[in-house]
Amino acid sequence: MATRLKLYTPEPEETVCTTEPDVRVRLGDLLPVMAMAQRMNFIWLKDFLDDEVVVSTDLYEVMQAFRSNRPTSA
């Protein structure tokens, strides 16, 4: 007599939607750390290159204007 195999069907897992907490940081505190990490070529900075940051609309507009009208070096 052949042995019958039973398929194991696991219980459906509850999906818990967890998001990382938002941390507010002043741009004045963030920029020196990022500039130093880039200047010193810290590897950990590359881990975050695809991360998104949220900026205010007015800062975004200034960044866009700066990107299209970069000042020439004197």
Protein backbone atom coordinates (compact mmCIF):
# COMPACT_ATOMS: atom_id res chain seq x y z
CA MET A 1 0.00 0.00 0.00
CA ALA A 2 1.44 3.38 -1.04
CA THR A 3 2.00 6.07 1.57
CA ARG A 4 0.07 9.27 0.97
CA LEU A 5 1.89 12.54 1.41
CA LYS A 6 0.17 15.32 3.26
CA LEU A 7 0.79 18.91 2.27
CA TYR A 8 1.50 21.29 5.09
CA THR A 9 -0.33 24.57 4.74
CA PRO A 10 0.96 27.15 7.22
CA GLU A 11 -1.37 29.55 8.96
CA PRO A 12 -1.56 32.89 7.17
CA GLU A 13 0.78 35.32 8.86
CA GLU A 14 -0.58 38.55 10.14
CA THR A 15 1.03 41.37 8.29
CA VAL A 16 1.88 44.10 10.68
CA CYS A 17 2.56 47.34 8.91
CA THR A 18 5.39 48.92 10.79
CA THR A 19 7.12 52.02 9.64
CA GLU A 20 10.22 53.49 11.06
CA PRO A 21 9.57 56.55 13.18
CA ASP A 22 10.25 59.87 11.56
CA VAL A 23 13.05 61.87 13.09
CA ARG A 24 13.22 65.58 12.51
CA VAL A 25 16.70 67.00 12.07
CA ARG A 26 17.67 70.57 11.36
CA LEU A 27 19.39 70.98 8.02
CA GLY A 28 22.10 72.94 9.81
CA ASP A 29 22.86 69.85 11.92
CA LEU A 30 22.63 67.39 9.04
CA LEU A 31 24.73 69.11 6.38
CA PRO A 32 28.07 69.21 8.23
CA VAL A 33 27.85 65.49 9.03
CA MET A 34 26.92 64.55 5.47
CA ALA A 35 29.60 66.83 4.00
CA MET A 36 32.28 65.34 6.24
CA ALA A 37 31.15 61.78 5.47
CA GLN A 38 31.29 62.48 1.74
CA ARG A 39 34.61 64.31 1.94
CA MET A 40 36.20 61.48 3.92
CA ASN A 41 34.54 58.86 1.68
CA PHE A 42 32.84 56.95 4.49
CA ILE A 43 31.36 53.73 3.15
CA TRP A 44 28.25 53.89 5.36
CA LEU A 45 27.05 56.94 3.47
CA LYS A 46 26.64 54.83 0.33
CA ASP A 47 24.12 52.65 2.18
CA PHE A 48 21.73 55.59 2.30
CA LEU A 49 22.08 57.00 -1.21
CA ASP A 50 18.72 55.59 -2.32
CA ASP A 51 16.87 56.82 0.76
CA GLU A 52 14.44 59.66 0.35
CA VAL A 53 14.33 62.76 2.48
CA VAL A 54 11.48 65.21 2.80
CA VAL A 55 12.23 68.88 2.23
CA SER A 56 9.96 71.89 2.32
CA THR A 57 8.52 73.16 -0.93
CA ASP A 58 10.48 76.40 -0.79
CA LEU A 59 13.79 74.57 -0.26
CA TYR A 60 12.97 72.28 -3.17
CA GLU A 61 12.30 75.27 -5.41
CA VAL A 62 15.60 76.88 -4.38
CA MET A 63 17.42 73.61 -5.10
CA GLN A 64 15.82 73.39 -8.56
CA ALA A 65 16.74 76.99 -9.35
CA PHE A 66 20.30 76.40 -8.14
CA ARG A 67 20.61 73.25 -10.23
CA SER A 68 19.57 75.04 -13.41
CA ASN A 69 21.62 78.20 -12.75
CA ARG A 70 24.81 77.04 -11.12
CA PRO A 71 27.10 79.94 -10.36
CA THR A 72 30.43 80.00 -12.16
CA SER A 73 33.52 79.69 -10.04
CA ALA A 74 35.44 82.95 -9.77
